[in-house]
């Protein structure tokens, strides 16, 4: 492996850096974007119990904010529970935008790596071919070892660029899709809370428990 790295030339260094950054982002997002960490299913049920027994206070709201991104959104609704429906909804949407941006953290970097890695590999190909033609110009085709070295550098950097780019692009698309799905789920929970706060919905604890059980099973 080290020999291949050396044979690929100096452009293997930025490709190696890109691979390290990509792996770090993929691992960090895998840990951070777990559904149970982003949108715990029991939060709305817990809030309903607080409301039913008049237990909503600043301490519980602060604990809810620290619970998860969904907790931050629902806490904004509880903070404005005595305001009009529009104000409650607006405050939830405002926090929701910030939560979405936080969930997308580092994904642009991952997407950039997926885009530039093949280009770096292509640059390595060009550099390798330039070396080949420089040798041909200076020495003719009588030095196969030098020619092979230039061609090898071109092929290795191209392959390395693709090896970095392909998984980066796969995980970039995967995390984008997962975030969209999580955002839709949080929007549903937030709208449910708004309807509960303004008397537009009667919360059924048994129904919600059954739904959570089905979700967990799936």
Protein backbone atom coordinates (compact mmCIF):
# COMPACT_ATOMS: atom_id res chain seq x y z
CA UNK A 1 0.00 0.00 0.00
CA UNK A 2 2.82 2.40 0.86
CA UNK A 3 4.50 1.59 -2.45
CA UNK A 4 1.32 2.45 -4.32
CA UNK A 5 1.06 5.70 -2.37
CA UNK A 6 4.61 6.65 -3.34
CA UNK A 7 4.09 5.60 -6.94
CA UNK A 8 1.05 7.87 -7.21
CA UNK A 9 3.14 10.99 -6.74
CA UNK A 10 2.55 14.12 -4.71
CA UNK A 11 -1.15 14.31 -5.61
CA UNK A 12 -1.75 11.29 -3.39
CA UNK A 13 -1.24 13.61 -0.40
CA UNK A 14 -4.37 15.74 -0.98
CA UNK A 15 -6.30 12.57 -1.83
CA UNK A 16 -5.20 11.01 1.46
CA UNK A 17 -6.26 14.14 3.36
CA UNK A 18 -9.64 14.06 1.61
CA UNK A 19 -10.10 10.41 2.53
CA UNK A 20 -9.36 11.06 6.21
CA UNK A 21 -11.78 14.00 6.34
CA UNK A 22 -14.44 11.99 4.51
CA UNK A 23 -14.18 9.03 6.90
CA UNK A 24 -14.34 11.35 9.91
CA UNK A 25 -17.49 13.10 8.61
CA UNK A 26 -19.19 9.83 7.70
CA UNK A 27 -18.51 8.36 11.15
CA UNK A 28 -19.58 11.54 12.99
CA UNK A 29 -22.83 11.91 11.03
CA UNK A 30 -23.59 8.21 11.47
CA UNK A 31 -23.44 8.71 15.23
CA UNK A 32 -25.22 12.07 15.32
CA UNK A 33 -28.08 11.32 12.91
CA UNK A 34 -29.49 8.30 14.73
CA UNK A 35 -33.25 8.64 14.97
CA UNK A 36 -33.30 8.09 18.73
CA UNK A 37 -30.84 10.97 19.16
CA UNK A 38 -32.64 13.36 16.80
CA UNK A 39 -36.33 12.67 17.38
CA UNK A 40 -37.16 10.47 20.39
CA UNK A 41 -40.64 9.06 19.90
CA UNK A 42 -41.82 9.57 23.48
CA UNK A 43 -41.43 13.37 23.68
CA UNK A 44 -44.94 14.39 22.60
CA UNK A 45 -46.46 11.88 25.03
CA UNK A 46 -44.31 13.28 27.83
CA UNK A 47 -45.28 16.87 26.98
CA UNK A 48 -48.94 15.91 26.95
CA UNK A 49 -48.60 14.50 30.45
CA UNK A 50 -46.92 17.72 31.61
CA UNK A 51 -49.73 19.77 30.13
CA UNK A 52 -52.42 17.53 31.56
CA UNK A 53 -51.07 17.86 35.09
CA UNK A 54 -49.95 21.49 34.68
CA UNK A 55 -46.29 20.56 35.19
CA UNK A 56 -44.75 22.72 32.47
CA UNK A 57 -42.09 25.01 33.97
CA UNK A 58 -38.78 26.56 32.96
CA UNK A 59 -36.76 23.65 34.31
CA UNK A 60 -38.66 21.09 32.24
CA UNK A 61 -38.51 23.29 29.14
CA UNK A 62 -34.75 23.64 29.55
CA UNK A 63 -34.38 19.87 29.99
CA UNK A 64 -36.46 19.40 26.84
CA UNK A 65 -34.16 21.75 24.90
CA UNK A 66 -31.14 19.71 25.98
CA UNK A 67 -32.84 16.41 25.13
CA UNK A 68 -32.55 16.40 21.35
CA UNK A 69 -33.10 18.53 18.21
CA UNK A 70 -36.80 17.62 18.30
CA UNK A 71 -36.81 18.66 21.95
CA UNK A 72 -35.48 22.08 20.95
CA UNK A 73 -38.34 22.51 18.46
CA UNK A 74 -41.04 21.39 20.89
CA UNK A 75 -39.56 23.52 23.66
CA UNK A 76 -40.01 26.58 21.43
CA UNK A 77 -43.69 25.69 21.16
CA UNK A 78 -44.05 25.29 24.92
CA UNK A 79 -42.30 28.61 25.55
CA UNK A 80 -44.92 30.32 23.35
CA UNK A 81 -47.87 28.15 24.41
CA UNK A 82 -49.90 31.16 25.57
CA UNK A 83 -49.31 33.09 22.34
CA UNK A 84 -51.46 32.89 19.22
CA UNK A 85 -51.26 29.90 16.94
CA UNK A 86 -49.33 31.86 14.30
CA UNK A 87 -46.71 33.05 16.79
CA UNK A 88 -46.31 29.54 18.21
CA UNK A 89 -45.92 28.11 14.72
CA UNK A 90 -43.46 30.84 13.69
CA UNK A 91 -41.27 30.25 16.74
CA UNK A 92 -41.23 26.51 16.06
CA UNK A 93 -40.33 27.07 12.40
CA UNK A 94 -37.52 29.44 13.36
CA UNK A 95 -35.95 26.90 15.71
CA UNK A 96 -36.60 24.18 13.14
CA UNK A 97 -34.51 26.02 10.55
CA UNK A 98 -31.58 26.24 12.95
CA UNK A 99 -31.95 22.55 13.85
CA UNK A 100 -31.96 21.56 10.17
CA UNK A 101 -28.78 23.55 9.53
CA UNK A 102 -27.13 21.83 12.50
CA UNK A 103 -28.15 18.42 11.18
CA UNK A 104 -26.58 19.25 7.81
CA UNK A 105 -23.27 20.18 9.43
CA UNK A 106 -20.22 19.02 7.44
CA UNK A 107 -22.35 17.54 4.64
CA UNK A 108 -21.29 20.30 2.24
CA UNK A 109 -17.68 19.37 2.96
CA UNK A 110 -18.47 15.71 2.24
CA UNK A 111 -20.17 16.69 -1.01
CA UNK A 112 -17.21 18.84 -1.99
CA UNK A 113 -14.82 15.94 -1.38
CA UNK A 114 -17.03 13.70 -3.54
CA UNK A 115 -16.85 16.30 -6.32
CA UNK A 116 -13.15 17.23 -6.23
CA UNK A 117 -11.57 13.81 -5.60
CA UNK A 118 -12.09 12.59 -9.20
CA UNK A 119 -10.75 15.93 -10.43
CA UNK A 120 -7.61 15.52 -8.34
CA UNK A 121 -7.28 12.02 -9.76
CA UNK A 122 -7.73 13.43 -13.26
CA UNK A 123 -5.05 16.02 -12.55
CA UNK A 124 -2.77 13.17 -11.50
CA UNK A 125 -3.52 11.47 -14.82
CA UNK A 126 -2.60 14.61 -16.73
CA UNK A 127 0.61 15.08 -14.72
CA UNK A 128 1.57 11.44 -15.29
CA UNK A 129 0.97 11.68 -19.03
CA UNK A 130 2.95 14.91 -19.22
CA UNK A 131 5.87 13.05 -17.65
CA UNK A 132 5.49 10.25 -20.18
CA UNK A 133 5.55 12.61 -23.14
CA UNK A 134 8.45 14.58 -21.63
CA UNK A 135 10.45 11.35 -21.45
CA UNK A 136 9.50 10.43 -25.02
CA UNK A 137 10.57 13.88 -26.20
CA UNK A 138 13.88 13.74 -24.37
CA UNK A 139 14.84 10.07 -24.72
CA UNK A 140 12.48 8.53 -27.22
CA UNK A 141 10.69 5.29 -26.38
CA UNK A 142 13.84 3.42 -25.44
CA UNK A 143 13.35 3.75 -21.64
CA UNK A 144 10.33 1.60 -20.75
CA UNK A 145 10.86 1.91 -16.97
CA UNK A 146 10.47 5.69 -17.02
CA UNK A 147 7.47 5.45 -19.32
CA UNK A 148 5.88 2.84 -17.07
CA UNK A 149 6.45 5.06 -14.03
CA UNK A 150 4.55 7.96 -15.61
CA UNK A 151 1.69 5.74 -16.76
CA UNK A 152 1.55 4.07 -13.33
CA UNK A 153 1.32 7.45 -11.59
CA UNK A 154 -1.51 8.46 -13.90
CA UNK A 155 -3.53 5.30 -13.27
CA UNK A 156 -2.93 5.18 -9.49
CA UNK A 157 -4.08 8.77 -8.87
CA UNK A 158 -7.16 8.22 -11.02
CA UNK A 159 -8.08 5.08 -9.11
CA UNK A 160 -7.40 6.73 -5.74
CA UNK A 161 -9.60 9.69 -6.66
CA UNK A 162 -12.48 7.36 -7.51
CA UNK A 163 -11.97 5.28 -4.34
CA UNK A 164 -12.35 8.45 -2.26
CA UNK A 165 -15.19 9.98 -4.29
CA UNK A 166 -17.56 7.01 -4.64
CA UNK A 167 -18.22 6.28 -0.93
CA UNK A 168 -18.23 10.02 -0.17
CA UNK A 169 -20.98 10.57 -2.75
CA UNK A 170 -22.97 7.54 -1.55
CA UNK A 171 -22.97 8.70 2.07
CA UNK A 172 -23.62 12.32 1.09
CA UNK A 173 -26.80 11.27 -0.73
CA UNK A 174 -27.77 8.88 2.05
CA UNK A 175 -27.45 11.49 4.79
CA UNK A 176 -29.31 14.07 2.72
CA UNK A 177 -32.20 11.66 2.34
CA UNK A 178 -32.13 10.69 6.01
CA UNK A 179 -32.17 14.34 7.12
CA UNK A 180 -35.16 15.05 4.86
CA UNK A 181 -37.01 12.11 6.40
CA UNK A 182 -36.16 13.24 9.94
CA UNK A 183 -37.25 16.81 9.19
CA UNK A 184 -40.62 15.59 7.90
CA UNK A 185 -41.10 13.51 11.05
CA UNK A 186 -40.22 16.45 13.31
CA UNK A 187 -42.61 18.70 11.39
CA UNK A 188 -45.41 16.21 12.05
CA UNK A 189 -44.61 16.14 15.78
CA UNK A 190 -44.41 19.94 15.92
CA UNK A 191 -47.78 20.36 14.19
CA UNK A 192 -49.28 17.84 16.57
CA UNK A 193 -48.00 19.89 19.52
CA UNK A 194 -49.42 23.12 18.06
CA UNK A 195 -52.82 21.49 17.66
CA UNK A 196 -52.70 20.19 21.24
CA UNK A 197 -51.66 23.57 22.66
CA UNK A 198 -54.47 25.38 20.88
CA UNK A 199 -57.17 22.83 21.56
CA UNK A 200 -57.41 21.53 18.00
CA UNK A 201 -56.48 17.95 18.89
CA UNK A 202 -57.30 15.58 21.71
CA UNK A 203 -54.19 13.55 22.40
CA UNK A 204 -54.75 9.79 22.64
CA UNK A 205 -51.97 8.33 24.77
CA UNK A 206 -52.95 4.73 23.98
CA UNK A 207 -52.97 5.41 20.24
CA UNK A 208 -49.60 7.15 20.43
CA UNK A 209 -48.13 4.29 22.43
CA UNK A 210 -49.31 1.79 19.84
CA UNK A 211 -47.82 3.93 17.08
CA UNK A 212 -44.48 4.17 18.86
CA UNK A 213 -44.52 0.38 19.34
CA UNK A 214 -45.11 -0.17 15.63
CA UNK A 215 -42.36 2.32 14.71
CA UNK A 216 -39.92 0.61 17.06
CA UNK A 217 -40.79 -2.78 15.59
CA UNK A 218 -40.25 -1.53 12.05
